[in-house]
């Protein structure tokens, strides 16, 4: 079997991390440039609680969803189901793409969007 086919066969399926509550919390924390420690301090919980929430392990995430959403500047609906409310299709696509970018790429996109908005 050619090497590239073998490599593709071993590659795990790529489900996006943002398909879970924890994945969306992590993505939004990163989008807000917060470390787990910073986020924990804002919420008055331990850093390990944040790590548990972000990996969908046990914890009191549901009891804290409103506070989490407020700190992350998002909605409880988004955290629970990925619901984006009244965003149009193109806006939803842009948000998904933005959230899948690295921290550096997000910074570049934000700078570009600000420049374009001024023109």
PDB file of N, CA and C in Angstrom:
ATOM      1  N   UNK A   1       0.844  -1.171   0.000  1.00  0.00           N
ATOM      2  CA  UNK A   1       0.000   0.000   0.000  1.00  0.00           C
ATOM      3  C   UNK A   1       0.894   1.240   0.000  1.00  0.00           C
ATOM      4  N   UNK A   2       0.633   2.213  -0.891  1.00  0.00           N
ATOM      5  CA  UNK A   2       1.455   3.425  -0.912  1.00  0.00           C
ATOM      6  C   UNK A   2       1.425   4.130   0.442  1.00  0.00           C
ATOM      7  N   UNK A   3       2.525   4.800   0.724  1.00  0.00           N
ATOM      8  CA  UNK A   3       2.683   5.462   2.012  1.00  0.00           C
ATOM      9  C   UNK A   3       1.570   6.462   2.322  1.00  0.00           C
ATOM     10  N   UNK A   4       1.178   7.306   1.349  1.00  0.00           N
ATOM     11  CA  UNK A   4       0.167   8.328   1.612  1.00  0.00           C
ATOM     12  C   UNK A   4      -1.189   7.708   1.923  1.00  0.00           C
ATOM     13  N   UNK A   5      -1.512   6.551   1.337  1.00  0.00           N
ATOM     14  CA  UNK A   5      -2.777   5.874   1.643  1.00  0.00           C
ATOM     15  C   UNK A   5      -2.713   5.294   3.051  1.00  0.00           C
ATOM     16  N   UNK A   6      -1.559   4.753   3.405  1.00  0.00           N
ATOM     17  CA  UNK A   6      -1.374   4.211   4.743  1.00  0.00           C
ATOM     18  C   UNK A   6      -1.519   5.319   5.785  1.00  0.00           C
ATOM     19  N   UNK A   7      -0.930   6.471   5.508  1.00  0.00           N
ATOM     20  CA  UNK A   7      -1.023   7.602   6.437  1.00  0.00           C
ATOM     21  C   UNK A   7      -2.470   8.055   6.579  1.00  0.00           C
ATOM     22  N   UNK A   8      -3.208   8.078   5.481  1.00  0.00           N
ATOM     23  CA  UNK A   8      -4.611   8.497   5.537  1.00  0.00           C
ATOM     24  C   UNK A   8      -5.446   7.481   6.310  1.00  0.00           C
ATOM     25  N   UNK A   9      -5.123   6.212   6.188  1.00  0.00           N
ATOM     26  CA  UNK A   9      -5.880   5.176   6.878  1.00  0.00           C
ATOM     27  C   UNK A   9      -5.702   5.270   8.384  1.00  0.00           C
ATOM     28  N   UNK A  10      -4.535   5.728   8.842  1.00  0.00           N
ATOM     29  CA  UNK A  10      -4.266   5.831  10.270  1.00  0.00           C
ATOM     30  C   UNK A  10      -4.795   7.117  10.878  1.00  0.00           C
ATOM     31  N   UNK A  11      -5.111   8.098  10.046  1.00  0.00           N
ATOM     32  CA  UNK A  11      -5.545   9.396  10.543  1.00  0.00           C
ATOM     33  C   UNK A  11      -6.913   9.276  11.211  1.00  0.00           C
ATOM     34  N   UNK A  12      -7.046   9.752  12.463  1.00  0.00           N
ATOM     35  CA  UNK A  12      -8.330   9.671  13.142  1.00  0.00           C
ATOM     36  C   UNK A  12      -9.341  10.591  12.493  1.00  0.00           C
ATOM     37  N   UNK A  13     -10.619  10.279  12.680  1.00  0.00           N
ATOM     38  CA  UNK A  13     -11.649  11.142  12.122  1.00  0.00           C
ATOM     39  C   UNK A  13     -11.568  12.493  12.806  1.00  0.00           C
ATOM     40  N   UNK A  14     -11.882  13.531  12.052  1.00  0.00           N
ATOM     41  CA  UNK A  14     -11.724  14.882  12.581  1.00  0.00           C
ATOM     42  C   UNK A  14     -13.087  15.500  12.871  1.00  0.00           C
ATOM     43  N   UNK A  15     -13.646  15.161  14.014  1.00  0.00           N
ATOM     44  CA  UNK A  15     -14.857  15.829  14.464  1.00  0.00           C
ATOM     45  C   UNK A  15     -14.394  17.104  15.149  1.00  0.00           C
ATOM     46  N   UNK A  16     -15.080  18.193  14.906  1.00  0.00           N
ATOM     47  CA  UNK A  16     -14.638  19.433  15.519  1.00  0.00           C
ATOM     48  C   UNK A  16     -14.880  19.396  17.008  1.00  0.00           C
ATOM     49  N   UNK A  17     -13.942  19.981  17.713  1.00  0.00           N
ATOM     50  CA  UNK A  17     -14.016  20.048  19.156  1.00  0.00           C
ATOM     51  C   UNK A  17     -15.242  20.857  19.588  1.00  0.00           C
ATOM     52  N   UNK A  18     -15.692  21.777  18.742  1.00  0.00           N
ATOM     53  CA  UNK A  18     -16.803  22.638  19.091  1.00  0.00           C
ATOM     54  C   UNK A  18     -18.155  21.943  19.004  1.00  0.00           C
ATOM     55  N   UNK A  19     -18.168  20.632  18.867  1.00  0.00           N
ATOM     56  CA  UNK A  19     -19.429  19.893  18.830  1.00  0.00           C
ATOM     57  C   UNK A  19     -19.907  19.523  20.222  1.00  0.00           C
ATOM     58  N   UNK A  20     -19.158  19.921  21.262  1.00  0.00           N
ATOM     59  CA  UNK A  20     -19.542  19.618  22.637  1.00  0.00           C
ATOM     60  C   UNK A  20     -19.601  20.915  23.435  1.00  0.00           C
ATOM     61  N   UNK A  21     -20.285  20.868  24.561  1.00  0.00           N
ATOM     62  CA  UNK A  21     -20.345  22.041  25.440  1.00  0.00           C
ATOM     63  C   UNK A  21     -18.927  22.445  25.835  1.00  0.00           C
ATOM     64  N   UNK A  22     -18.135  21.473  26.257  1.00  0.00           N
ATOM     65  CA  UNK A  22     -16.766  21.763  26.668  1.00  0.00           C
ATOM     66  C   UNK A  22     -15.929  22.357  25.554  1.00  0.00           C
ATOM     67  N   UNK A  23     -16.092  21.833  24.355  1.00  0.00           N
ATOM     68  CA  UNK A  23     -15.355  22.357  23.210  1.00  0.00           C
ATOM     69  C   UNK A  23     -15.728  23.792  22.896  1.00  0.00           C
ATOM     70  N   UNK A  24     -17.027  24.101  23.020  1.00  0.00           N
ATOM     71  CA  UNK A  24     -17.462  25.480  22.772  1.00  0.00           C
ATOM     72  C   UNK A  24     -16.962  26.413  23.876  1.00  0.00           C
ATOM     73  N   UNK A  25     -16.955  25.940  25.125  1.00  0.00           N
ATOM     74  CA  UNK A  25     -16.418  26.769  26.216  1.00  0.00           C
ATOM     75  C   UNK A  25     -14.953  27.067  25.942  1.00  0.00           C
ATOM     76  N   UNK A  26     -14.185  26.053  25.577  1.00  0.00           N
ATOM     77  CA  UNK A  26     -12.764  26.239  25.309  1.00  0.00           C
ATOM     78  C   UNK A  26     -12.549  27.209  24.144  1.00  0.00           C
ATOM     79  N   UNK A  27     -13.287  27.006  23.060  1.00  0.00           N
ATOM     80  CA  UNK A  27     -13.139  27.870  21.888  1.00  0.00           C
ATOM     81  C   UNK A  27     -13.445  29.326  22.238  1.00  0.00           C
ATOM     82  N   UNK A  28     -14.499  29.533  23.013  1.00  0.00           N
ATOM     83  CA  UNK A  28     -14.863  30.902  23.384  1.00  0.00           C
ATOM     84  C   UNK A  28     -13.860  31.494  24.376  1.00  0.00           C
ATOM     85  N   UNK A  29     -13.329  30.670  25.269  1.00  0.00           N
ATOM     86  CA  UNK A  29     -12.304  31.159  26.206  1.00  0.00           C
ATOM     87  C   UNK A  29     -11.091  31.635  25.417  1.00  0.00           C
ATOM     88  N   UNK A  30     -10.669  30.829  24.451  1.00  0.00           N
ATOM     89  CA  UNK A  30      -9.524  31.202  23.624  1.00  0.00           C
ATOM     90  C   UNK A  30      -9.825  32.430  22.772  1.00  0.00           C
ATOM     91  N   UNK A  31     -11.043  32.507  22.243  1.00  0.00           N
ATOM     92  CA  UNK A  31     -11.431  33.670  21.435  1.00  0.00           C
ATOM     93  C   UNK A  31     -11.402  34.947  22.264  1.00  0.00           C
ATOM     94  N   UNK A  32     -11.609  34.817  23.568  1.00  0.00           N
ATOM     95  CA  UNK A  32     -11.564  35.961  24.472  1.00  0.00           C
ATOM     96  C   UNK A  32     -10.176  36.162  25.085  1.00  0.00           C
ATOM     97  N   UNK A  33      -9.197  35.425  24.567  1.00  0.00           N
ATOM     98  CA  UNK A  33      -7.797  35.534  25.021  1.00  0.00           C
ATOM     99  C   UNK A  33      -7.655  35.341  26.524  1.00  0.00           C
ATOM    100  N   UNK A  34      -8.372  34.356  27.054  1.00  0.00           N
ATOM    101  CA  UNK A  34      -8.280  34.043  28.482  1.00  0.00           C
ATOM    102  C   UNK A  34      -7.544  32.725  28.676  1.00  0.00           C
ATOM    103  N   UNK A  35      -6.646  32.697  29.642  1.00  0.00           N
ATOM    104  CA  UNK A  35      -6.052  31.420  30.029  1.00  0.00           C
ATOM    105  C   UNK A  35      -7.069  30.703  30.906  1.00  0.00           C
ATOM    106  N   UNK A  36      -6.842  29.427  31.150  1.00  0.00           N
ATOM    107  CA  UNK A  36      -7.734  28.711  32.065  1.00  0.00           C
ATOM    108  C   UNK A  36      -7.684  29.366  33.440  1.00  0.00           C
ATOM    109  N   UNK A  37      -6.524  29.799  33.847  1.00  0.00           N
ATOM    110  CA  UNK A  37      -6.360  30.443  35.165  1.00  0.00           C
ATOM    111  C   UNK A  37      -7.143  31.753  35.226  1.00  0.00           C
ATOM    112  N   UNK A  38      -7.017  32.588  34.190  1.00  0.00           N
ATOM    113  CA  UNK A  38      -7.758  33.855  34.149  1.00  0.00           C
ATOM    114  C   UNK A  38      -9.266  33.605  34.198  1.00  0.00           C
ATOM    115  N   UNK A  39      -9.704  32.656  33.399  1.00  0.00           N
ATOM    116  CA  UNK A  39     -11.122  32.319  33.310  1.00  0.00           C
ATOM    117  C   UNK A  39     -11.631  31.818  34.661  1.00  0.00           C
ATOM    118  N   UNK A  40     -10.853  30.958  35.297  1.00  0.00           N
ATOM    119  CA  UNK A  40     -11.225  30.429  36.613  1.00  0.00           C
ATOM    120  C   UNK A  40     -11.350  31.560  37.635  1.00  0.00           C
ATOM    121  N   UNK A  41     -10.413  32.492  37.609  1.00  0.00           N
ATOM    122  CA  UNK A  41     -10.462  33.625  38.542  1.00  0.00           C
ATOM    123  C   UNK A  41     -11.702  34.483  38.311  1.00  0.00           C
ATOM    124  N   UNK A  42     -12.052  34.715  37.050  1.00  0.00           N
ATOM    125  CA  UNK A  42     -13.256  35.511  36.730  1.00  0.00           C
ATOM    126  C   UNK A  42     -14.520  34.848  37.260  1.00  0.00           C
ATOM    127  N   UNK A  43     -14.541  33.514  37.237  1.00  0.00           N
ATOM    128  CA  UNK A  43     -15.725  32.768  37.662  1.00  0.00           C
ATOM    129  C   UNK A  43     -15.699  32.381  39.131  1.00  0.00           C
ATOM    130  N   UNK A  44     -14.549  32.510  39.773  1.00  0.00           N
ATOM    131  CA  UNK A  44     -14.431  32.113  41.171  1.00  0.00           C
ATOM    132  C   UNK A  44     -14.425  30.601  41.358  1.00  0.00           C
ATOM    133  N   UNK A  45     -13.813  29.891  40.399  1.00  0.00           N
ATOM    134  CA  UNK A  45     -13.683  28.433  40.477  1.00  0.00           C
ATOM    135  C   UNK A  45     -12.212  28.068  40.298  1.00  0.00           C
ATOM    136  N   UNK A  46     -11.900  26.792  40.444  1.00  0.00           N
ATOM    137  CA  UNK A  46     -10.506  26.362  40.269  1.00  0.00           C
ATOM    138  C   UNK A  46     -10.173  26.173  38.789  1.00  0.00           C
ATOM    139  N   UNK A  47      -8.869  26.253  38.484  1.00  0.00           N
ATOM    140  CA  UNK A  47      -8.432  26.008  37.107  1.00  0.00           C
ATOM    141  C   UNK A  47      -8.769  24.584  36.696  1.00  0.00           C
ATOM    142  N   UNK A  48      -8.705  23.648  37.620  1.00  0.00           N
ATOM    143  CA  UNK A  48      -9.020  22.259  37.281  1.00  0.00           C
ATOM    144  C   UNK A  48     -10.500  22.101  36.930  1.00  0.00           C
ATOM    145  N   UNK A  49     -11.364  22.933  37.516  1.00  0.00           N
ATOM    146  CA  UNK A  49     -12.787  22.896  37.134  1.00  0.00           C
ATOM    147  C   UNK A  49     -12.933  23.288  35.664  1.00  0.00           C
ATOM    148  N   UNK A  50     -12.203  24.303  35.248  1.00  0.00           N
ATOM    149  CA  UNK A  50     -12.242  24.740  33.845  1.00  0.00           C
ATOM    150  C   UNK A  50     -11.760  23.609  32.945  1.00  0.00           C
ATOM    151  N   UNK A  51     -10.656  22.982  33.320  1.00  0.00           N
ATOM    152  CA  UNK A  51     -10.119  21.875  32.519  1.00  0.00           C
ATOM    153  C   UNK A  51     -11.136  20.747  32.410  1.00  0.00           C
ATOM    154  N   UNK A  52     -11.823  20.444  33.487  1.00  0.00           N
ATOM    155  CA  UNK A  52     -12.849  19.390  33.451  1.00  0.00           C
ATOM    156  C   UNK A  52     -13.998  19.780  32.537  1.00  0.00           C
ATOM    157  N   UNK A  53     -14.450  21.022  32.632  1.00  0.00           N
ATOM    158  CA  UNK A  53     -15.555  21.469  31.776  1.00  0.00           C
ATOM    159  C   UNK A  53     -15.161  21.383  30.304  1.00  0.00           C
ATOM    160  N   UNK A  54     -13.948  21.842  29.992  1.00  0.00           N
ATOM    161  CA  UNK A  54     -13.510  21.899  28.600  1.00  0.00           C
ATOM    162  C   UNK A  54     -13.303  20.521  27.988  1.00  0.00           C
ATOM    163  N   UNK A  55     -13.116  19.519  28.816  1.00  0.00           N
ATOM    164  CA  UNK A  55     -12.937  18.155  28.304  1.00  0.00           C
ATOM    165  C   UNK A  55     -14.180  17.306  28.551  1.00  0.00           C
ATOM    166  N   UNK A  56     -15.282  17.976  28.881  1.00  0.00           N
ATOM    167  CA  UNK A  56     -16.582  17.314  29.072  1.00  0.00           C
ATOM    168  C   UNK A  56     -16.560  16.228  30.127  1.00  0.00           C
ATOM    169  N   UNK A  57     -15.745  16.451  31.157  1.00  0.00           N
ATOM    170  CA  UNK A  57     -15.741  15.527  32.292  1.00  0.00           C
ATOM    171  C   UNK A  57     -16.680  16.067  33.352  1.00  0.00           C
ATOM    172  N   UNK A  58     -16.828  15.317  34.403  1.00  0.00           N
ATOM    173  CA  UNK A  58     -17.735  15.701  35.482  1.00  0.00           C
ATOM    174  C   UNK A  58     -17.408  17.091  35.997  1.00  0.00           C
ATOM    175  N   UNK A  59     -18.390  17.735  36.496  1.00  0.00           N
ATOM    176  CA  UNK A  59     -18.202  19.064  37.053  1.00  0.00           C
ATOM    177  C   UNK A  59     -19.536  19.771  37.087  1.00  0.00           C
ATOM    178  N   UNK A  60     -19.548  20.940  37.627  1.00  0.00           N
ATOM    179  CA  UNK A  60     -20.794  21.684  37.771  1.00  0.00           C
ATOM    180  C   UNK A  60     -20.952  22.718  36.674  1.00  0.00           C
ATOM    181  N   UNK A  61     -20.726  22.305  35.444  1.00  0.00           N
ATOM    182  CA  UNK A  61     -20.798  23.246  34.332  1.00  0.00           C
ATOM    183  C   UNK A  61     -22.223  23.779  34.151  1.00  0.00           C
ATOM    184  N   UNK A  62     -23.224  22.931  34.238  1.00  0.00           N
ATOM    185  CA  UNK A  62     -24.603  23.385  34.012  1.00  0.00           C
ATOM    186  C   UNK A  62     -25.046  24.424  35.033  1.00  0.00           C
ATOM    187  N   UNK A  63     -24.614  24.256  36.278  1.00  0.00           N
ATOM    188  CA  UNK A  63     -24.984  25.210  37.317  1.00  0.00           C
ATOM    189  C   UNK A  63     -24.323  26.569  37.104  1.00  0.00           C
ATOM    190  N   UNK A  64     -23.275  26.606  36.312  1.00  0.00           N
ATOM    191  CA  UNK A  64     -22.513  27.830  36.093  1.00  0.00           C
ATOM    192  C   UNK A  64     -22.661  28.406  34.689  1.00  0.00           C
ATOM    193  N   UNK A  65     -23.529  27.828  33.866  1.00  0.00           N
ATOM    194  CA  UNK A  65     -23.607  28.230  32.455  1.00  0.00           C
ATOM    195  C   UNK A  65     -23.899  29.716  32.252  1.00  0.00           C
ATOM    196  N   UNK A  66     -24.792  30.279  33.035  1.00  0.00           N
ATOM    197  CA  UNK A  66     -25.109  31.703  32.852  1.00  0.00           C
ATOM    198  C   UNK A  66     -23.893  32.574  33.123  1.00  0.00           C
ATOM    199  N   UNK A  67     -23.165  32.269  34.192  1.00  0.00           N
ATOM    200  CA  UNK A  67     -21.961  33.032  34.515  1.00  0.00           C
ATOM    201  C   UNK A  67     -20.884  32.824  33.459  1.00  0.00           C
ATOM    202  N   UNK A  68     -20.743  31.573  32.995  1.00  0.00           N
ATOM    203  CA  UNK A  68     -19.762  31.257  31.947  1.00  0.00           C
ATOM    204  C   UNK A  68     -20.071  32.053  30.690  1.00  0.00           C
ATOM    205  N   UNK A  69     -21.335  32.032  30.273  1.00  0.00           N
ATOM    206  CA  UNK A  69     -21.752  32.745  29.061  1.00  0.00           C
ATOM    207  C   UNK A  69     -21.478  34.241  29.186  1.00  0.00           C
ATOM    208  N   UNK A  70     -21.758  34.795  30.351  1.00  0.00           N
ATOM    209  CA  UNK A  70     -21.544  36.233  30.556  1.00  0.00           C
ATOM    210  C   UNK A  70     -20.067  36.595  30.424  1.00  0.00           C
ATOM    211  N   UNK A  71     -19.194  35.823  31.078  1.00  0.00           N
ATOM    212  CA  UNK A  71     -17.754  36.087  31.008  1.00  0.00           C
ATOM    213  C   UNK A  71     -17.242  35.921  29.578  1.00  0.00           C
ATOM    214  N   UNK A  72     -17.778  34.924  28.861  1.00  0.00           N
ATOM    215  CA  UNK A  72     -17.324  34.649  27.497  1.00  0.00           C
ATOM    216  C   UNK A  72     -18.031  35.481  26.442  1.00  0.00           C
ATOM    217  N   UNK A  73     -18.953  36.340  26.885  1.00  0.00           N
ATOM    218  CA  UNK A  73     -19.689  37.234  25.976  1.00  0.00           C
ATOM    219  C   UNK A  73     -20.409  36.435  24.888  1.00  0.00           C
ATOM    220  N   UNK A  74     -21.133  35.408  25.327  1.00  0.00           N
ATOM    221  CA  UNK A  74     -21.905  34.575  24.410  1.00  0.00           C
ATOM    222  C   UNK A  74     -23.221  34.218  25.086  1.00  0.00           C
ATOM    223  N   UNK A  75     -23.997  33.352  24.463  1.00  0.00           N
ATOM    224  CA  UNK A  75     -25.281  32.952  25.042  1.00  0.00           C
ATOM    225  C   UNK A  75     -25.195  31.540  25.612  1.00  0.00           C
ATOM    226  N   UNK A  76     -26.084  31.264  26.557  1.00  0.00           N
ATOM    227  CA  UNK A  76     -26.186  29.909  27.092  1.00  0.00           C
ATOM    228  C   UNK A  76     -26.583  28.963  25.962  1.00  0.00           C
ATOM    229  N   UNK A  77     -27.471  29.425  25.070  1.00  0.00           N
ATOM    230  CA  UNK A  77     -27.900  28.616  23.929  1.00  0.00           C
ATOM    231  C   UNK A  77     -26.736  28.179  23.068  1.00  0.00           C
ATOM    232  N   UNK A  78     -25.798  29.099  22.830  1.00  0.00           N
ATOM    233  CA  UNK A  78     -24.625  28.724  22.034  1.00  0.00           C
ATOM    234  C   UNK A  78     -23.795  27.672  22.761  1.00  0.00           C
ATOM    235  N   UNK A  79     -23.565  27.873  24.052  1.00  0.00           N
ATOM    236  CA  UNK A  79     -22.749  26.920  24.806  1.00  0.00           C
ATOM    237  C   UNK A  79     -23.386  25.538  24.831  1.00  0.00           C
ATOM    238  N   UNK A  80     -24.707  25.481  24.993  1.00  0.00           N
ATOM    239  CA  UNK A  80     -25.387  24.191  25.080  1.00  0.00           C
ATOM    240  C   UNK A  80     -25.500  23.473  23.746  1.00  0.00           C
ATOM    241  N   UNK A  81     -25.833  24.217  22.690  1.00  0.00           N
ATOM    242  CA  UNK A  81     -26.147  23.533  21.435  1.00  0.00           C
ATOM    243  C   UNK A  81     -25.436  24.075  20.209  1.00  0.00           C
ATOM    244  N   UNK A  82     -24.676  25.122  20.375  1.00  0.00           N
ATOM    245  CA  UNK A  82     -24.035  25.728  19.212  1.00  0.00           C
ATOM    246  C   UNK A  82     -24.952  26.705  18.502  1.00  0.00           C
ATOM    247  N   UNK A  83     -26.151  26.907  19.058  1.00  0.00           N
ATOM    248  CA  UNK A  83     -27.141  27.819  18.474  1.00  0.00           C
ATOM    249  C   UNK A  83     -26.557  29.221  18.424  1.00  0.00           C
ATOM    250  N   UNK A  84     -26.694  29.833  17.270  1.00  0.00           N
ATOM    251  CA  UNK A  84     -26.126  31.166  17.102  1.00  0.00           C
ATOM    252  C   UNK A  84     -27.193  32.241  17.010  1.00  0.00           C
ATOM    253  N   UNK A  85     -28.409  31.911  17.359  1.00  0.00           N
ATOM    254  CA  UNK A  85     -29.463  32.917  17.411  1.00  0.00           C
ATOM    255  C   UNK A  85     -29.809  33.479  16.062  1.00  0.00           C
ATOM    256  N   UNK A  86     -29.751  34.780  15.962  1.00  0.00           N
ATOM    257  CA  UNK A  86     -30.243  35.441  14.765  1.00  0.00           C
ATOM    258  C   UNK A  86     -29.175  35.699  13.709  1.00  0.00           C
ATOM    259  N   UNK A  87     -28.028  35.069  13.819  1.00  0.00           N
ATOM    260  CA  UNK A  87     -27.002  35.262  12.802  1.00  0.00           C
ATOM    261  C   UNK A  87     -27.467  34.681  11.464  1.00  0.00           C
ATOM    262  N   UNK A  88     -27.164  35.388  10.402  1.00  0.00           N
ATOM    263  CA  UNK A  88     -27.467  34.918   9.065  1.00  0.00           C
ATOM    264  C   UNK A  88     -26.498  33.797   8.697  1.00  0.00           C
ATOM    265  N   UNK A  89     -26.824  33.048   7.662  1.00  0.00           N
ATOM    266  CA  UNK A  89     -26.024  31.904   7.235  1.00  0.00           C
ATOM    267  C   UNK A  89     -24.558  32.269   7.004  1.00  0.00           C
ATOM    268  N   UNK A  90     -24.305  33.370   6.295  1.00  0.00           N
ATOM    269  CA  UNK A  90     -22.929  33.779   6.017  1.00  0.00           C
ATOM    270  C   UNK A  90     -22.201  34.156   7.307  1.00  0.00           C
ATOM    271  N   UNK A  91     -22.924  34.785   8.245  1.00  0.00           N
ATOM    272  CA  UNK A  91     -22.322  35.155   9.521  1.00  0.00           C
ATOM    273  C   UNK A  91     -21.978  33.906  10.330  1.00  0.00           C
ATOM    274  N   UNK A  92     -22.845  32.923  10.303  1.00  0.00           N
ATOM    275  CA  UNK A  92     -22.580  31.668  11.001  1.00  0.00           C
ATOM    276  C   UNK A  92     -21.341  30.987  10.426  1.00  0.00           C
ATOM    277  N   UNK A  93     -21.239  30.997   9.099  1.00  0.00           N
ATOM    278  CA  UNK A  93     -20.076  30.401   8.442  1.00  0.00           C
ATOM    279  C   UNK A  93     -18.806  31.118   8.871  1.00  0.00           C
ATOM    280  N   UNK A  94     -18.843  32.453   8.880  1.00  0.00           N
ATOM    281  CA  UNK A  94     -17.675  33.221   9.307  1.00  0.00           C
ATOM    282  C   UNK A  94     -17.296  32.911  10.750  1.00  0.00           C
ATOM    283  N   UNK A  95     -18.283  32.800  11.634  1.00  0.00           N
ATOM    284  CA  UNK A  95     -18.013  32.485  13.035  1.00  0.00           C
ATOM    285  C   UNK A  95     -17.376  31.108  13.176  1.00  0.00           C
ATOM    286  N   UNK A  96     -17.913  30.115  12.456  1.00  0.00           N
ATOM    287  CA  UNK A  96     -17.344  28.765  12.521  1.00  0.00           C
ATOM    288  C   UNK A  96     -15.900  28.770  12.032  1.00  0.00           C
ATOM    289  N   UNK A  97     -15.659  29.454  10.919  1.00  0.00           N
ATOM    290  CA  UNK A  97     -14.302  29.519  10.381  1.00  0.00           C
ATOM    291  C   UNK A  97     -13.363  30.229  11.355  1.00  0.00           C
ATOM    292  N   UNK A  98     -13.806  31.351  11.902  1.00  0.00           N
ATOM    293  CA  UNK A  98     -12.998  32.099  12.865  1.00  0.00           C
ATOM    294  C   UNK A  98     -12.639  31.229  14.062  1.00  0.00           C
ATOM    295  N   UNK A  99     -13.628  30.521  14.587  1.00  0.00           N
ATOM    296  CA  UNK A  99     -13.412  29.696  15.779  1.00  0.00           C
ATOM    297  C   UNK A  99     -12.498  28.505  15.509  1.00  0.00           C
ATOM    298  N   UNK A 100     -12.356  28.128  14.254  1.00  0.00           N
ATOM    299  CA  UNK A 100     -11.474  27.000  13.933  1.00  0.00           C
ATOM    300  C   UNK A 100     -10.029  27.448  13.681  1.00  0.00           C
ATOM    301  N   UNK A 101      -9.782  28.752  13.700  1.00  0.00           N
ATOM    302  CA  UNK A 101      -8.436  29.284  13.444  1.00  0.00           C
ATOM    303  C   UNK A 101      -7.570  29.257  14.695  1.00  0.00           C
ATOM    304  N   UNK A 102      -6.278  29.333  14.458  1.00  0.00           N
ATOM    305  CA  UNK A 102      -5.323  29.448  15.566  1.00  0.00           C
ATOM    306  C   UNK A 102      -5.443  30.840  16.180  1.00  0.00           C
ATOM    307  N   UNK A 103      -4.871  31.006  17.353  1.00  0.00           N
ATOM    308  CA  UNK A 103      -4.913  32.294  18.050  1.00  0.00           C
ATOM    309  C   UNK A 103      -4.306  33.402  17.184  1.00  0.00           C
ATOM    310  N   UNK A 104      -3.181  33.112  16.548  1.00  0.00           N
ATOM    311  CA  UNK A 104      -2.518  34.104  15.698  1.00  0.00           C
ATOM    312  C   UNK A 104      -3.390  34.449  14.491  1.00  0.00           C
ATOM    313  N   UNK A 105      -3.991  33.439  13.864  1.00  0.00           N
ATOM    314  CA  UNK A 105      -4.854  33.699  12.708  1.00  0.00           C
ATOM    315  C   UNK A 105      -6.086  34.501  13.118  1.00  0.00           C
ATOM    316  N   UNK A 106      -6.620  34.238  14.308  1.00  0.00           N
ATOM    317  CA  UNK A 106      -7.767  35.017  14.801  1.00  0.00           C
ATOM    318  C   UNK A 106      -7.385  36.479  14.961  1.00  0.00           C
ATOM    319  N   UNK A 107      -6.178  36.709  15.484  1.00  0.00           N
ATOM    320  CA  UNK A 107      -5.706  38.089  15.646  1.00  0.00           C
ATOM    321  C   UNK A 107      -5.613  38.781  14.288  1.00  0.00           C
ATOM    322  N   UNK A 108      -5.044  38.079  13.297  1.00  0.00           N
ATOM    323  CA  UNK A 108      -4.923  38.651  11.953  1.00  0.00           C
ATOM    324  C   UNK A 108      -6.299  38.924  11.337  1.00  0.00           C
ATOM    325  N   UNK A 109      -7.221  37.987  11.515  1.00  0.00           N
ATOM    326  CA  UNK A 109      -8.573  38.183  10.982  1.00  0.00           C
ATOM    327  C   UNK A 109      -9.259  39.381  11.626  1.00  0.00           C
ATOM    328  N   UNK A 110      -9.096  39.523  12.930  1.00  0.00           N
ATOM    329  CA  UNK A 110      -9.707  40.645  13.636  1.00  0.00           C
ATOM    330  C   UNK A 110      -9.128  41.968  13.144  1.00  0.00           C
ATOM    331  N   UNK A 111      -7.814  42.034  12.990  1.00  0.00           N
ATOM    332  CA  UNK A 111      -7.183  43.247  12.473  1.00  0.00           C
ATOM    333  C   UNK A 111      -7.677  43.567  11.065  1.00  0.00           C
ATOM    334  N   UNK A 112      -7.782  42.545  10.232  1.00  0.00           N
ATOM    335  CA  UNK A 112      -8.263  42.735   8.864  1.00  0.00           C
ATOM    336  C   UNK A 112      -9.712  43.224   8.852  1.00  0.00           C
ATOM    337  N   UNK A 113     -10.554  42.619   9.683  1.00  0.00           N
ATOM    338  CA  UNK A 113     -11.961  43.023   9.750  1.00  0.00           C
ATOM    339  C   UNK A 113     -12.082  44.484  10.203  1.00  0.00           C
ATOM    340  N   UNK A 114     -11.276  44.887  11.192  1.00  0.00           N
ATOM    341  CA  UNK A 114     -11.320  46.274  11.656  1.00  0.00           C
ATOM    342  C   UNK A 114     -10.909  47.227  10.541  1.00  0.00           C
ATOM    343  N   UNK A 115      -9.852  46.845   9.794  1.00  0.00           N
ATOM    344  CA  UNK A 115      -9.391  47.689   8.689  1.00  0.00           C
ATOM    345  C   UNK A 115     -10.465  47.811   7.616  1.00  0.00           C
ATOM    346  N   UNK A 116     -11.084  46.681   7.287  1.00  0.00           N
ATOM    347  CA  UNK A 116     -12.134  46.693   6.261  1.00  0.00           C
ATOM    348  C   UNK A 116     -13.346  47.491   6.700  1.00  0.00           C
ATOM    349  N   UNK A 117     -13.694  47.427   7.964  1.00  0.00           N
ATOM    350  CA  UNK A 117     -14.857  48.151   8.483  1.00  0.00           C
ATOM    351  C   UNK A 117     -14.651  49.662   8.419  1.00  0.00           C
ATOM    352  N   UNK A 118     -13.400  50.094   8.512  1.00  0.00           N
ATOM    353  CA  UNK A 118     -13.100  51.537   8.431  1.00  0.00           C
ATOM    354  C   UNK A 118     -13.171  52.056   7.008  1.00  0.00           C
ATOM    355  N   UNK A 119     -12.990  51.180   5.999  1.00  0.00           N
ATOM    356  CA  UNK A 119     -12.954  51.638   4.609  1.00  0.00           C
ATOM    357  C   UNK A 119     -14.316  51.998   4.088  1.00  0.00           C
TER     358      UNK A 119
END
